[in-house]
Amino acid sequence: MKHIVQRVFLDEEHIYPRVDMGVGDLLEDGSVLIVGSVAGYTARPFGKNWTGREGPFIRVVDQPFLSRMTGKNVDWSPKGVFHYICPDSVNLE
């Protein structure tokens, strides 16, 4: 958590407004891999993000992970491109 705060929170008036964060995978030992990506927007005061939620965090889930959970075989490696979906985007008008 400390690393996330250091990367997103600069000071009271400068917080990066979009941080995609969520489940990337389920590892062999049963632990959950959490992934995050700070988008290239300028830091600004705390507020609502594009989903209408307070704060910078946008919930995401890795698409290959979801595919595997539904029984589809997906060949993905850490060297590959990370594809994810944003569950909140389906609720936007």
C-alpha atoms as a PDB file:
ATOM      1  CA  MET A   1       0.000   0.000   0.000  1.00  0.00           C
ATOM      2  CA  LYS A   2       2.862   2.366   0.819  1.00  0.00           C
ATOM      3  CA  HIS A   3       4.185   2.126  -2.743  1.00  0.00           C
ATOM      4  CA  ILE A   4       0.780   2.950  -4.207  1.00  0.00           C
ATOM      5  CA  VAL A   5       0.397   6.033  -2.011  1.00  0.00           C
ATOM      6  CA  GLN A   6       3.904   7.236  -2.876  1.00  0.00           C
ATOM      7  CA  ARG A   7       3.137   6.905  -6.594  1.00  0.00           C
ATOM      8  CA  VAL A   8      -0.349   8.492  -6.574  1.00  0.00           C
ATOM      9  CA  PHE A   9      -0.360  11.083  -3.760  1.00  0.00           C
ATOM     10  CA  LEU A  10       2.051  13.992  -4.193  1.00  0.00           C
ATOM     11  CA  ASP A  11       0.472  16.391  -1.664  1.00  0.00           C
ATOM     12  CA  GLU A  12      -2.997  17.570  -0.553  1.00  0.00           C
ATOM     13  CA  GLU A  13      -3.654  19.367  -3.840  1.00  0.00           C
ATOM     14  CA  HIS A  14      -1.857  17.002  -6.229  1.00  0.00           C
ATOM     15  CA  ILE A  15      -3.172  13.465  -6.624  1.00  0.00           C
ATOM     16  CA  TYR A  16      -3.062  11.570  -9.898  1.00  0.00           C
ATOM     17  CA  PRO A  17      -6.718  11.357 -10.993  1.00  0.00           C
ATOM     18  CA  ARG A  18      -6.756   7.973 -12.715  1.00  0.00           C
ATOM     19  CA  VAL A  19      -5.199   4.782 -11.419  1.00  0.00           C
ATOM     20  CA  ASP A  20      -6.414   1.548 -13.011  1.00  0.00           C
ATOM     21  CA  MET A  21      -6.161  -1.102 -10.297  1.00  0.00           C
ATOM     22  CA  GLY A  22      -7.506  -4.579  -9.850  1.00  0.00           C
ATOM     23  CA  VAL A  23      -7.138  -8.327 -10.203  1.00  0.00           C
ATOM     24  CA  GLY A  24      -4.509  -9.376 -12.710  1.00  0.00           C
ATOM     25  CA  ASP A  25      -4.390 -13.100 -12.073  1.00  0.00           C
ATOM     26  CA  LEU A  26      -4.671 -15.923  -9.589  1.00  0.00           C
ATOM     27  CA  LEU A  27      -1.192 -17.331  -8.974  1.00  0.00           C
ATOM     28  CA  GLU A  28      -0.344 -21.019  -8.578  1.00  0.00           C
ATOM     29  CA  ASP A  29      -0.028 -20.649  -4.789  1.00  0.00           C
ATOM     30  CA  GLY A  30      -3.584 -19.261  -4.635  1.00  0.00           C
ATOM     31  CA  SER A  31      -2.575 -15.653  -4.028  1.00  0.00           C
ATOM     32  CA  VAL A  32      -4.115 -12.846  -6.061  1.00  0.00           C
ATOM     33  CA  LEU A  33      -1.907 -10.738  -8.327  1.00  0.00           C
ATOM     34  CA  ILE A  34      -2.978  -7.093  -8.034  1.00  0.00           C
ATOM     35  CA  VAL A  35      -2.040  -4.818 -10.936  1.00  0.00           C
ATOM     36  CA  GLY A  36      -2.032  -1.059 -11.211  1.00  0.00           C
ATOM     37  CA  SER A  37      -1.320   1.585 -13.795  1.00  0.00           C
ATOM     38  CA  VAL A  38      -1.176   5.338 -13.273  1.00  0.00           C
ATOM     39  CA  ALA A  39      -2.554   7.081 -16.376  1.00  0.00           C
ATOM     40  CA  GLY A  40      -0.709  10.054 -17.829  1.00  0.00           C
ATOM     41  CA  TYR A  41      -3.020  12.782 -16.507  1.00  0.00           C
ATOM     42  CA  THR A  42      -1.736  15.810 -14.593  1.00  0.00           C
ATOM     43  CA  ALA A  43      -2.000  15.571 -10.802  1.00  0.00           C
ATOM     44  CA  ARG A  44      -4.886  17.597  -9.348  1.00  0.00           C
ATOM     45  CA  PRO A  45      -7.007  17.937  -6.192  1.00  0.00           C
ATOM     46  CA  PHE A  46      -8.900  14.880  -4.946  1.00  0.00           C
ATOM     47  CA  GLY A  47     -12.264  14.476  -6.646  1.00  0.00           C
ATOM     48  CA  LYS A  48     -14.483  12.219  -8.715  1.00  0.00           C
ATOM     49  CA  ASN A  49     -13.005  10.110 -11.508  1.00  0.00           C
ATOM     50  CA  TRP A  50     -14.587   9.440 -14.903  1.00  0.00           C
ATOM     51  CA  THR A  51     -16.755   6.646 -13.456  1.00  0.00           C
ATOM     52  CA  GLY A  52     -18.357   9.087 -11.012  1.00  0.00           C
ATOM     53  CA  ARG A  53     -16.650   7.510  -7.996  1.00  0.00           C
ATOM     54  CA  GLU A  54     -14.614   9.540  -5.521  1.00  0.00           C
ATOM     55  CA  GLY A  55     -10.859   9.160  -5.813  1.00  0.00           C
ATOM     56  CA  PRO A  56      -8.409   8.061  -8.450  1.00  0.00           C
ATOM     57  CA  PHE A  57      -8.968   4.310  -8.484  1.00  0.00           C
ATOM     58  CA  ILE A  58     -10.683   2.661 -11.450  1.00  0.00           C
ATOM     59  CA  ARG A  59     -11.546  -0.992 -10.854  1.00  0.00           C
ATOM     60  CA  VAL A  60     -10.194  -3.334 -13.521  1.00  0.00           C
ATOM     61  CA  VAL A  61     -10.040  -7.086 -14.120  1.00  0.00           C
ATOM     62  CA  ASP A  62      -7.602  -8.821 -16.463  1.00  0.00           C
ATOM     63  CA  GLN A  63      -9.419 -10.151 -19.536  1.00  0.00           C
ATOM     64  CA  PRO A  64      -7.341 -13.376 -19.857  1.00  0.00           C
ATOM     65  CA  PHE A  65      -7.990 -14.077 -16.140  1.00  0.00           C
ATOM     66  CA  LEU A  66     -11.753 -13.724 -16.696  1.00  0.00           C
ATOM     67  CA  SER A  67     -11.552 -15.957 -19.750  1.00  0.00           C
ATOM     68  CA  ARG A  68      -9.786 -18.686 -17.787  1.00  0.00           C
ATOM     69  CA  MET A  69     -12.372 -18.423 -14.989  1.00  0.00           C
ATOM     70  CA  THR A  70     -15.070 -19.141 -17.591  1.00  0.00           C
ATOM     71  CA  GLY A  71     -13.225 -22.179 -18.951  1.00  0.00           C
ATOM     72  CA  LYS A  72     -11.522 -20.630 -21.951  1.00  0.00           C
ATOM     73  CA  ASN A  73      -7.835 -21.428 -22.437  1.00  0.00           C
ATOM     74  CA  VAL A  74      -5.811 -18.228 -22.816  1.00  0.00           C
ATOM     75  CA  ASP A  75      -2.070 -18.235 -23.418  1.00  0.00           C
ATOM     76  CA  TRP A  76      -0.696 -15.192 -21.623  1.00  0.00           C
ATOM     77  CA  SER A  77       2.741 -14.417 -20.261  1.00  0.00           C
ATOM     78  CA  PRO A  78       4.078 -11.485 -18.206  1.00  0.00           C
ATOM     79  CA  LYS A  79       5.982 -10.390 -21.312  1.00  0.00           C
ATOM     80  CA  GLY A  80       2.712 -10.016 -23.211  1.00  0.00           C
ATOM     81  CA  VAL A  81       0.341  -7.087 -23.369  1.00  0.00           C
ATOM     82  CA  PHE A  82      -1.987  -6.667 -20.412  1.00  0.00           C
ATOM     83  CA  HIS A  83      -5.633  -6.510 -21.504  1.00  0.00           C
ATOM     84  CA  TYR A  84      -8.243  -5.615 -18.923  1.00  0.00           C
ATOM     85  CA  ILE A  85     -11.831  -4.535 -18.653  1.00  0.00           C
ATOM     86  CA  CYS A  86     -13.361  -1.924 -16.396  1.00  0.00           C
ATOM     87  CA  PRO A  87     -16.551  -3.246 -14.746  1.00  0.00           C
ATOM     88  CA  ASP A  88     -17.634   0.332 -13.914  1.00  0.00           C
ATOM     89  CA  SER A  89     -17.789   1.308 -17.583  1.00  0.00           C
ATOM     90  CA  VAL A  90     -20.930  -0.772 -18.138  1.00  0.00           C
ATOM     91  CA  ASN A  91     -22.814   1.440 -15.690  1.00  0.00           C
ATOM     92  CA  LEU A  92     -22.019   4.719 -17.438  1.00  0.00           C
ATOM     93  CA  GLU A  93     -24.646   6.488 -19.510  1.00  0.00           C
END
